[in-house]
Amino acid sequence: MHSPYDDLWLPDMVNDKSCGQKLRVAQRAIERKMLGLKLTDKISCKEIRNKTQVSDIVQYIAKQKWKWAGHVARLQDNRWTLRVTEWQPRNGKRSRGRQARRWRDDIVRTMGNAWTREAKEREEWRRGAEGFILQWMDGA
């Protein structure tokens, strides 16, 4: 099934919940525009979502991130995508303050440090997808 988001370039905004909320607000505005509605019409988001049949943008991004992580972890050769995902800088000093969140930190939080081994077992990986996606749905 073709999603309206397939044609968009979506950066990894799922790492930041405030960005996720901004994306949801923008999506709701687009859906209202699709139906010719205004905020003053006081129609609930659920009702609008039922009419447009569009899936939640943050859920879609999380699902795609999970699928890509599984794909990258199952790569057999030494491609740069796998090397960059597992790369940890060894030289230089750490900057002050909180460490920047990496792309894989959310996956590690859901599946643990052995997520690349878990991803090799497709069925096990698919079972973990729901938990990963649900952690981003609390603001829906």
C-alpha atoms as a PDB file:
ATOM      1  CA  MET A   1       0.000   0.000   0.000  1.00  0.00           C
ATOM      2  CA  HIS A   2       1.337   3.416  -0.942  1.00  0.00           C
ATOM      3  CA  SER A   3       1.592   5.904   1.889  1.00  0.00           C
ATOM      4  CA  PRO A   4       1.421   9.664   1.356  1.00  0.00           C
ATOM      5  CA  TYR A   5       4.745   9.859   3.222  1.00  0.00           C
ATOM      6  CA  ASP A   6       6.613   7.601   0.780  1.00  0.00           C
ATOM      7  CA  ASP A   7       7.388  10.550  -1.483  1.00  0.00           C
ATOM      8  CA  LEU A   8       8.735  12.736   1.325  1.00  0.00           C
ATOM      9  CA  TRP A   9      12.239  12.876   2.709  1.00  0.00           C
ATOM     10  CA  LEU A  10      11.738  12.564   6.454  1.00  0.00           C
ATOM     11  CA  PRO A  11      14.760  13.132   8.649  1.00  0.00           C
ATOM     12  CA  ASP A  12      15.212  11.197  11.856  1.00  0.00           C
ATOM     13  CA  MET A  13      12.854  13.399  13.845  1.00  0.00           C
ATOM     14  CA  VAL A  14      11.560  10.567  15.980  1.00  0.00           C
ATOM     15  CA  ASN A  15      14.550  11.109  18.294  1.00  0.00           C
ATOM     16  CA  ASP A  16      12.980  14.334  19.549  1.00  0.00           C
ATOM     17  CA  LYS A  17       9.454  14.148  20.956  1.00  0.00           C
ATOM     18  CA  SER A  18       8.917  17.896  20.550  1.00  0.00           C
ATOM     19  CA  CYS A  19       9.644  17.506  16.827  1.00  0.00           C
ATOM     20  CA  GLY A  20       7.200  14.605  16.774  1.00  0.00           C
ATOM     21  CA  GLN A  21       4.537  16.828  18.284  1.00  0.00           C
ATOM     22  CA  LYS A  22       5.239  19.542  15.719  1.00  0.00           C
ATOM     23  CA  LEU A  23       4.915  16.989  12.939  1.00  0.00           C
ATOM     24  CA  ARG A  24       1.563  15.835  14.344  1.00  0.00           C
ATOM     25  CA  VAL A  25       0.263  19.407  14.500  1.00  0.00           C
ATOM     26  CA  ALA A  26       1.327  20.012  10.902  1.00  0.00           C
ATOM     27  CA  GLN A  27      -0.246  16.745   9.808  1.00  0.00           C
ATOM     28  CA  ARG A  28      -3.560  17.645  11.452  1.00  0.00           C
ATOM     29  CA  ALA A  29      -3.504  21.020   9.709  1.00  0.00           C
ATOM     30  CA  ILE A  30      -2.915  19.305   6.376  1.00  0.00           C
ATOM     31  CA  GLU A  31      -5.757  16.859   7.020  1.00  0.00           C
ATOM     32  CA  ARG A  32      -8.130  19.713   7.886  1.00  0.00           C
ATOM     33  CA  LYS A  33      -7.099  21.434   4.649  1.00  0.00           C
ATOM     34  CA  MET A  34      -7.733  18.205   2.710  1.00  0.00           C
ATOM     35  CA  LEU A  35     -11.300  18.141   4.036  1.00  0.00           C
ATOM     36  CA  GLY A  36     -11.877  21.900   3.751  1.00  0.00           C
ATOM     37  CA  LEU A  37     -12.288  22.303   7.511  1.00  0.00           C
ATOM     38  CA  LYS A  38     -11.197  25.027   9.905  1.00  0.00           C
ATOM     39  CA  LEU A  39     -10.230  24.867  13.563  1.00  0.00           C
ATOM     40  CA  THR A  40     -13.411  26.773  14.394  1.00  0.00           C
ATOM     41  CA  ASP A  41     -15.473  23.857  13.020  1.00  0.00           C
ATOM     42  CA  LYS A  42     -14.585  22.006  16.252  1.00  0.00           C
ATOM     43  CA  ILE A  43     -14.303  18.548  14.688  1.00  0.00           C
ATOM     44  CA  SER A  44     -12.198  16.102  16.687  1.00  0.00           C
ATOM     45  CA  CYS A  45      -8.881  14.833  15.407  1.00  0.00           C
ATOM     46  CA  LYS A  46     -10.141  11.242  15.559  1.00  0.00           C
ATOM     47  CA  GLU A  47     -13.095  12.077  13.349  1.00  0.00           C
ATOM     48  CA  ILE A  48     -10.864  13.867  10.852  1.00  0.00           C
ATOM     49  CA  ARG A  49      -8.415  10.921  10.893  1.00  0.00           C
ATOM     50  CA  ASN A  50     -11.277   8.494  10.198  1.00  0.00           C
ATOM     51  CA  LYS A  51     -12.350  10.556   7.198  1.00  0.00           C
ATOM     52  CA  THR A  52      -8.880  10.979   5.692  1.00  0.00           C
ATOM     53  CA  GLN A  53      -7.645   7.439   6.493  1.00  0.00           C
ATOM     54  CA  VAL A  54      -4.082   8.777   6.861  1.00  0.00           C
ATOM     55  CA  SER A  55      -1.787   7.093   9.369  1.00  0.00           C
ATOM     56  CA  ASP A  56       0.044   9.033  12.069  1.00  0.00           C
ATOM     57  CA  ILE A  57       3.307  10.537  10.791  1.00  0.00           C
ATOM     58  CA  VAL A  58       5.340   9.765  13.919  1.00  0.00           C
ATOM     59  CA  GLN A  59       4.158   6.157  13.906  1.00  0.00           C
ATOM     60  CA  TYR A  60       5.120   5.889  10.246  1.00  0.00           C
ATOM     61  CA  ILE A  61       8.599   7.325  10.871  1.00  0.00           C
ATOM     62  CA  ALA A  62       9.177   4.983  13.838  1.00  0.00           C
ATOM     63  CA  LYS A  63       8.080   1.977  11.781  1.00  0.00           C
ATOM     64  CA  GLN A  64      10.393   2.905   8.918  1.00  0.00           C
ATOM     65  CA  LYS A  65      13.298   3.464  11.312  1.00  0.00           C
ATOM     66  CA  TRP A  66      12.715   0.034  12.863  1.00  0.00           C
ATOM     67  CA  LYS A  67      12.589  -1.634   9.457  1.00  0.00           C
ATOM     68  CA  TRP A  68      15.778   0.115   8.335  1.00  0.00           C
ATOM     69  CA  ALA A  69      17.611  -0.848  11.545  1.00  0.00           C
ATOM     70  CA  GLY A  70      16.704  -4.487  10.986  1.00  0.00           C
ATOM     71  CA  HIS A  71      17.842  -4.298   7.391  1.00  0.00           C
ATOM     72  CA  VAL A  72      21.169  -2.705   8.319  1.00  0.00           C
ATOM     73  CA  ALA A  73      21.798  -5.232  11.102  1.00  0.00           C
ATOM     74  CA  ARG A  74      21.231  -8.133   8.709  1.00  0.00           C
ATOM     75  CA  LEU A  75      23.767  -6.899   6.143  1.00  0.00           C
ATOM     76  CA  GLN A  76      26.383  -9.586   5.553  1.00  0.00           C
ATOM     77  CA  ASP A  77      29.168  -7.607   3.951  1.00  0.00           C
ATOM     78  CA  ASN A  78      31.152  -4.742   5.435  1.00  0.00           C
ATOM     79  CA  ARG A  79      29.096  -1.905   3.964  1.00  0.00           C
ATOM     80  CA  TRP A  80      29.469   1.649   5.205  1.00  0.00           C
ATOM     81  CA  THR A  81      25.883   1.726   6.537  1.00  0.00           C
ATOM     82  CA  LEU A  82      26.643  -0.998   9.046  1.00  0.00           C
ATOM     83  CA  ARG A  83      30.060   0.455   9.887  1.00  0.00           C
ATOM     84  CA  VAL A  84      28.630   3.939  10.490  1.00  0.00           C
ATOM     85  CA  THR A  85      25.835   2.553  12.670  1.00  0.00           C
ATOM     86  CA  GLU A  86      28.297   0.717  14.896  1.00  0.00           C
ATOM     87  CA  TRP A  87      31.069   3.343  14.756  1.00  0.00           C
ATOM     88  CA  GLN A  88      32.186   4.964  17.982  1.00  0.00           C
ATOM     89  CA  PRO A  89      34.794   7.733  17.882  1.00  0.00           C
ATOM     90  CA  ARG A  90      37.924   6.858  19.809  1.00  0.00           C
ATOM     91  CA  ASN A  91      40.063   9.983  19.523  1.00  0.00           C
ATOM     92  CA  GLY A  92      39.517  13.499  20.678  1.00  0.00           C
ATOM     93  CA  LYS A  93      37.781  14.872  23.720  1.00  0.00           C
ATOM     94  CA  ARG A  94      34.136  14.672  24.505  1.00  0.00           C
ATOM     95  CA  SER A  95      32.323  17.971  24.459  1.00  0.00           C
ATOM     96  CA  ARG A  96      30.823  19.250  27.682  1.00  0.00           C
ATOM     97  CA  GLY A  97      27.245  18.555  28.627  1.00  0.00           C
ATOM     98  CA  ARG A  98      24.849  15.775  27.852  1.00  0.00           C
ATOM     99  CA  GLN A  99      25.898  13.368  25.148  1.00  0.00           C
ATOM    100  CA  ALA A 100      24.070  13.789  21.873  1.00  0.00           C
ATOM    101  CA  ARG A 101      21.579  11.030  21.189  1.00  0.00           C
ATOM    102  CA  ARG A 102      22.618   8.704  18.432  1.00  0.00           C
ATOM    103  CA  TRP A 103      20.331   7.162  15.842  1.00  0.00           C
ATOM    104  CA  ARG A 104      20.597   3.733  17.418  1.00  0.00           C
ATOM    105  CA  ASP A 105      19.996   4.806  21.036  1.00  0.00           C
ATOM    106  CA  ASP A 106      16.224   4.367  20.750  1.00  0.00           C
ATOM    107  CA  ILE A 107      16.650   0.867  19.361  1.00  0.00           C
ATOM    108  CA  VAL A 108      19.130  -0.042  22.103  1.00  0.00           C
ATOM    109  CA  ARG A 109      16.639   1.230  24.692  1.00  0.00           C
ATOM    110  CA  THR A 110      13.960  -1.089  23.288  1.00  0.00           C
ATOM    111  CA  MET A 111      15.976  -4.225  22.409  1.00  0.00           C
ATOM    112  CA  GLY A 112      19.184  -3.885  24.420  1.00  0.00           C
ATOM    113  CA  ASN A 113      22.807  -3.730  23.334  1.00  0.00           C
ATOM    114  CA  ALA A 114      22.538  -6.997  21.411  1.00  0.00           C
ATOM    115  CA  TRP A 115      19.974  -5.544  18.991  1.00  0.00           C
ATOM    116  CA  THR A 116      22.053  -6.427  15.937  1.00  0.00           C
ATOM    117  CA  ARG A 117      21.968 -10.122  16.926  1.00  0.00           C
ATOM    118  CA  GLU A 118      18.244  -9.913  17.632  1.00  0.00           C
ATOM    119  CA  ALA A 119      17.632  -8.320  14.232  1.00  0.00           C
ATOM    120  CA  LYS A 120      19.125 -11.333  12.487  1.00  0.00           C
ATOM    121  CA  GLU A 121      16.131 -13.343  13.766  1.00  0.00           C
ATOM    122  CA  ARG A 122      13.365 -11.737  11.702  1.00  0.00           C
ATOM    123  CA  GLU A 123      10.418 -13.013  13.760  1.00  0.00           C
ATOM    124  CA  GLU A 124      11.975 -11.845  17.021  1.00  0.00           C
ATOM    125  CA  TRP A 125      12.717  -8.487  15.419  1.00  0.00           C
ATOM    126  CA  ARG A 126       9.143  -8.085  14.178  1.00  0.00           C
ATOM    127  CA  ARG A 127       7.793  -8.773  17.669  1.00  0.00           C
ATOM    128  CA  GLY A 128       9.916  -5.923  19.052  1.00  0.00           C
ATOM    129  CA  ALA A 129       8.578  -3.443  16.489  1.00  0.00           C
ATOM    130  CA  GLU A 130       5.300  -2.820  18.290  1.00  0.00           C
ATOM    131  CA  GLY A 131       7.024  -1.828  21.527  1.00  0.00           C
ATOM    132  CA  PHE A 132       9.379   0.480  19.675  1.00  0.00           C
ATOM    133  CA  ILE A 133       6.523   2.208  17.849  1.00  0.00           C
ATOM    134  CA  LEU A 134       4.355   2.460  20.977  1.00  0.00           C
ATOM    135  CA  GLN A 135       7.055   4.378  22.865  1.00  0.00           C
ATOM    136  CA  TRP A 136       6.486   7.246  20.408  1.00  0.00           C
ATOM    137  CA  MET A 137       2.684   7.116  20.484  1.00  0.00           C
ATOM    138  CA  ASP A 138       2.133   8.565  23.974  1.00  0.00           C
ATOM    139  CA  GLY A 139       1.552  12.028  22.512  1.00  0.00           C
ATOM    140  CA  ALA A 140      -0.906  10.869  19.844  1.00  0.00           C
END
